[in-house]
PDB file of N, CA and C in Angstrom:
ATOM      1  N   MET A   1       0.845  -1.187  -0.001  1.00  0.00           N
ATOM      2  CA  MET A   1       0.000   0.000   0.000  1.00  0.00           C
ATOM      3  C   MET A   1       0.886   1.245   0.000  1.00  0.00           C
ATOM      4  N   VAL A   2       0.620   2.144  -0.919  1.00  0.00           N
ATOM      5  CA  VAL A   2       1.385   3.377  -1.038  1.00  0.00           C
ATOM      6  C   VAL A   2       0.693   4.453  -0.221  1.00  0.00           C
ATOM      7  N   ARG A   3       1.462   5.088   0.646  1.00  0.00           N
ATOM      8  CA  ARG A   3       0.905   6.171   1.466  1.00  0.00           C
ATOM      9  C   ARG A   3       1.133   7.506   0.772  1.00  0.00           C
ATOM     10  N   LYS A   4       0.162   8.371   0.880  1.00  0.00           N
ATOM     11  CA  LYS A   4       0.290   9.726   0.355  1.00  0.00           C
ATOM     12  C   LYS A   4       0.183  10.695   1.515  1.00  0.00           C
ATOM     13  N   ARG A   5       0.884  11.798   1.384  1.00  0.00           N
ATOM     14  CA  ARG A   5       0.806  12.825   2.414  1.00  0.00           C
ATOM     15  C   ARG A   5      -0.535  13.530   2.330  1.00  0.00           C
ATOM     16  N   ASN A   6      -1.065  13.863   3.479  1.00  0.00           N
ATOM     17  CA  ASN A   6      -2.336  14.569   3.551  1.00  0.00           C
ATOM     18  C   ASN A   6      -2.046  16.018   3.918  1.00  0.00           C
ATOM     19  N   ARG A   7      -1.789  16.835   2.909  1.00  0.00           N
ATOM     20  CA  ARG A   7      -1.459  18.237   3.146  1.00  0.00           C
ATOM     21  C   ARG A   7      -2.680  19.110   2.907  1.00  0.00           C
ATOM     22  N   LYS A   8      -2.785  20.134   3.735  1.00  0.00           N
ATOM     23  CA  LYS A   8      -3.895  21.066   3.595  1.00  0.00           C
ATOM     24  C   LYS A   8      -3.612  22.096   2.504  1.00  0.00           C
ATOM     25  N   PHE A   9      -2.347  22.485   2.358  1.00  0.00           N
ATOM     26  CA  PHE A   9      -1.998  23.561   1.444  1.00  0.00           C
ATOM     27  C   PHE A   9      -0.966  23.086   0.434  1.00  0.00           C
ATOM     28  N   GLN A  10      -1.003  23.694  -0.717  1.00  0.00           N
ATOM     29  CA  GLN A  10      -0.036  23.378  -1.753  1.00  0.00           C
ATOM     30  C   GLN A  10       0.359  24.690  -2.426  1.00  0.00           C
ATOM     31  N   LEU A  11       1.648  24.859  -2.686  1.00  0.00           N
ATOM     32  CA  LEU A  11       2.121  26.080  -3.316  1.00  0.00           C
ATOM     33  C   LEU A  11       1.834  26.049  -4.810  1.00  0.00           C
ATOM     34  N   SER A  12       1.492  27.194  -5.353  1.00  0.00           N
ATOM     35  CA  SER A  12       1.282  27.290  -6.795  1.00  0.00           C
ATOM     36  C   SER A  12       2.636  27.421  -7.486  1.00  0.00           C
ATOM     37  N   LEU A  13       2.636  27.254  -8.783  1.00  0.00           N
ATOM     38  CA  LEU A  13       3.871  27.344  -9.555  1.00  0.00           C
ATOM     39  C   LEU A  13       4.494  28.737  -9.435  1.00  0.00           C
ATOM     40  N   SER A  14       3.677  29.780  -9.421  1.00  0.00           N
ATOM     41  CA  SER A  14       4.205  31.142  -9.304  1.00  0.00           C
ATOM     42  C   SER A  14       4.838  31.383  -7.935  1.00  0.00           C
ATOM     43  N   GLU A  15       4.279  30.788  -6.882  1.00  0.00           N
ATOM     44  CA  GLU A  15       4.867  30.921  -5.547  1.00  0.00           C
ATOM     45  C   GLU A  15       6.213  30.206  -5.470  1.00  0.00           C
ATOM     46  N   VAL A  16       6.298  29.028  -6.065  1.00  0.00           N
ATOM     47  CA  VAL A  16       7.562  28.283  -6.088  1.00  0.00           C
ATOM     48  C   VAL A  16       8.611  29.060  -6.872  1.00  0.00           C
ATOM     49  N   ALA A  17       8.220  29.627  -8.007  1.00  0.00           N
ATOM     50  CA  ALA A  17       9.149  30.409  -8.825  1.00  0.00           C
ATOM     51  C   ALA A  17       9.636  31.646  -8.073  1.00  0.00           C
ATOM     52  N   THR A  18       8.748  32.313  -7.356  1.00  0.00           N
ATOM     53  CA  THR A  18       9.124  33.499  -6.581  1.00  0.00           C
ATOM     54  C   THR A  18      10.120  33.146  -5.488  1.00  0.00           C
ATOM     55  N   ILE A  19       9.882  32.054  -4.778  1.00  0.00           N
ATOM     56  CA  ILE A  19      10.800  31.608  -3.729  1.00  0.00           C
ATOM     57  C   ILE A  19      12.154  31.250  -4.332  1.00  0.00           C
ATOM     58  N   ALA A  20      12.161  30.604  -5.493  1.00  0.00           N
ATOM     59  CA  ALA A  20      13.418  30.233  -6.156  1.00  0.00           C
ATOM     60  C   ALA A  20      14.212  31.474  -6.557  1.00  0.00           C
ATOM     61  N   VAL A  21      13.538  32.489  -7.063  1.00  0.00           N
ATOM     62  CA  VAL A  21      14.222  33.737  -7.440  1.00  0.00           C
ATOM     63  C   VAL A  21      14.806  34.412  -6.211  1.00  0.00           C
ATOM     64  N   TYR A  22      14.034  34.501  -5.132  1.00  0.00           N
ATOM     65  CA  TYR A  22      14.541  35.095  -3.889  1.00  0.00           C
ATOM     66  C   TYR A  22      15.754  34.332  -3.365  1.00  0.00           C
ATOM     67  N   PHE A  23      15.718  33.018  -3.480  1.00  0.00           N
ATOM     68  CA  PHE A  23      16.852  32.208  -3.023  1.00  0.00           C
ATOM     69  C   PHE A  23      18.105  32.535  -3.827  1.00  0.00           C
ATOM     70  N   HIS A  24      17.978  32.638  -5.140  1.00  0.00           N
ATOM     71  CA  HIS A  24      19.144  32.915  -5.975  1.00  0.00           C
ATOM     72  C   HIS A  24      19.681  34.326  -5.765  1.00  0.00           C
ATOM     73  N   LEU A  25      18.837  35.236  -5.335  1.00  0.00           N
ATOM     74  CA  LEU A  25      19.278  36.605  -5.060  1.00  0.00           C
ATOM     75  C   LEU A  25      19.802  36.780  -3.635  1.00  0.00           C
ATOM     76  N   SER A  26      19.620  35.781  -2.798  1.00  0.00           N
ATOM     77  CA  SER A  26      20.038  35.872  -1.399  1.00  0.00           C
ATOM     78  C   SER A  26      21.488  35.439  -1.232  1.00  0.00           C
ATOM     79  N   HIS A  27      21.991  35.569  -0.014  1.00  0.00           N
ATOM     80  CA  HIS A  27      23.365  35.179   0.297  1.00  0.00           C
ATOM     81  C   HIS A  27      23.463  33.743   0.800  1.00  0.00           C
ATOM     82  N   TYR A  28      22.351  33.044   0.861  1.00  0.00           N
ATOM     83  CA  TYR A  28      22.341  31.677   1.394  1.00  0.00           C
ATOM     84  C   TYR A  28      22.945  30.697   0.395  1.00  0.00           C
ATOM     85  N   ARG A  29      23.640  29.695   0.937  1.00  0.00           N
ATOM     86  CA  ARG A  29      24.229  28.654   0.100  1.00  0.00           C
ATOM     87  C   ARG A  29      23.358  27.406   0.070  1.00  0.00           C
ATOM     88  N   GLU A  30      22.546  27.230   1.097  1.00  0.00           N
ATOM     89  CA  GLU A  30      21.678  26.058   1.182  1.00  0.00           C
ATOM     90  C   GLU A  30      20.222  26.501   1.194  1.00  0.00           C
ATOM     91  N   PHE A  31      19.421  25.847   0.372  1.00  0.00           N
ATOM     92  CA  PHE A  31      18.010  26.215   0.263  1.00  0.00           C
ATOM     93  C   PHE A  31      17.253  25.967   1.558  1.00  0.00           C
ATOM     94  N   LYS A  32      17.621  24.907   2.266  1.00  0.00           N
ATOM     95  CA  LYS A  32      16.921  24.576   3.513  1.00  0.00           C
ATOM     96  C   LYS A  32      17.037  25.719   4.513  1.00  0.00           C
ATOM     97  N   ASN A  33      18.238  26.254   4.703  1.00  0.00           N
ATOM     98  CA  ASN A  33      18.424  27.371   5.632  1.00  0.00           C
ATOM     99  C   ASN A  33      17.655  28.607   5.168  1.00  0.00           C
ATOM    100  N   PHE A  34      17.722  28.890   3.886  1.00  0.00           N
ATOM    101  CA  PHE A  34      16.980  30.023   3.331  1.00  0.00           C
ATOM    102  C   PHE A  34      15.488  29.884   3.602  1.00  0.00           C
ATOM    103  N   TYR A  35      14.951  28.703   3.323  1.00  0.00           N
ATOM    104  CA  TYR A  35      13.516  28.482   3.488  1.00  0.00           C
ATOM    105  C   TYR A  35      13.096  28.610   4.946  1.00  0.00           C
ATOM    106  N   LEU A  36      13.861  27.988   5.837  1.00  0.00           N
ATOM    107  CA  LEU A  36      13.489  28.014   7.248  1.00  0.00           C
ATOM    108  C   LEU A  36      13.587  29.409   7.851  1.00  0.00           C
ATOM    109  N   ILE A  37      14.610  30.159   7.482  1.00  0.00           N
ATOM    110  CA  ILE A  37      14.822  31.482   8.076  1.00  0.00           C
ATOM    111  C   ILE A  37      14.012  32.566   7.368  1.00  0.00           C
ATOM    112  N   GLU A  38      14.140  32.655   6.065  1.00  0.00           N
ATOM    113  CA  GLU A  38      13.511  33.752   5.333  1.00  0.00           C
ATOM    114  C   GLU A  38      12.024  33.530   5.066  1.00  0.00           C
ATOM    115  N   ILE A  39      11.663  32.347   4.686  1.00  0.00           N
ATOM    116  CA  ILE A  39      10.273  32.112   4.300  1.00  0.00           C
ATOM    117  C   ILE A  39       9.402  31.794   5.511  1.00  0.00           C
ATOM    118  N   LYS A  40       9.793  30.826   6.296  1.00  0.00           N
ATOM    119  CA  LYS A  40       8.952  30.391   7.415  1.00  0.00           C
ATOM    120  C   LYS A  40       8.889  31.418   8.543  1.00  0.00           C
ATOM    121  N   LYS A  41      10.021  32.006   8.911  1.00  0.00           N
ATOM    122  CA  LYS A  41      10.053  32.902  10.070  1.00  0.00           C
ATOM    123  C   LYS A  41       9.807  34.356   9.700  1.00  0.00           C
ATOM    124  N   ASN A  42      10.613  34.900   8.791  1.00  0.00           N
ATOM    125  CA  ASN A  42      10.527  36.329   8.498  1.00  0.00           C
ATOM    126  C   ASN A  42       9.257  36.715   7.759  1.00  0.00           C
ATOM    127  N   MET A  43       8.809  35.882   6.852  1.00  0.00           N
ATOM    128  CA  MET A  43       7.613  36.218   6.091  1.00  0.00           C
ATOM    129  C   MET A  43       6.352  35.770   6.810  1.00  0.00           C
ATOM    130  N   LYS A  44       6.525  34.979   7.874  1.00  0.00           N
ATOM    131  CA  LYS A  44       5.417  34.517   8.715  1.00  0.00           C
ATOM    132  C   LYS A  44       4.308  33.865   7.898  1.00  0.00           C
ATOM    133  N   ILE A  45       4.714  32.993   7.008  1.00  0.00           N
ATOM    134  CA  ILE A  45       3.748  32.243   6.207  1.00  0.00           C
ATOM    135  C   ILE A  45       3.561  30.897   6.881  1.00  0.00           C
ATOM    136  N   ASN A  46       2.481  30.753   7.604  1.00  0.00           N
ATOM    137  CA  ASN A  46       2.221  29.501   8.309  1.00  0.00           C
ATOM    138  C   ASN A  46       1.577  28.465   7.406  1.00  0.00           C
ATOM    139  N   GLU A  47       1.065  28.889   6.266  1.00  0.00           N
ATOM    140  CA  GLU A  47       0.392  27.965   5.374  1.00  0.00           C
ATOM    141  C   GLU A  47       1.363  27.187   4.500  1.00  0.00           C
ATOM    142  N   CYS A  48       2.632  27.606   4.469  1.00  0.00           N
ATOM    143  CA  CYS A  48       3.610  26.915   3.626  1.00  0.00           C
ATOM    144  C   CYS A  48       3.894  25.529   4.178  1.00  0.00           C
ATOM    145  N   PRO A  49       4.020  24.569   3.283  1.00  0.00           N
ATOM    146  CA  PRO A  49       4.357  23.212   3.739  1.00  0.00           C
ATOM    147  C   PRO A  49       5.786  23.121   4.202  1.00  0.00           C
TER     148      PRO A  49
END
């Protein structure tokens, strides 16, 4: 049996593209650190997976 994640929210293609552009313009070397610090905390987006 294959399990699927049950997520409430999903990012649109434009949101993913925007985050990717911000990452490339930032000083971060790792996407994980960028996402956790800039997206999750500073932008206070609780709906992001």
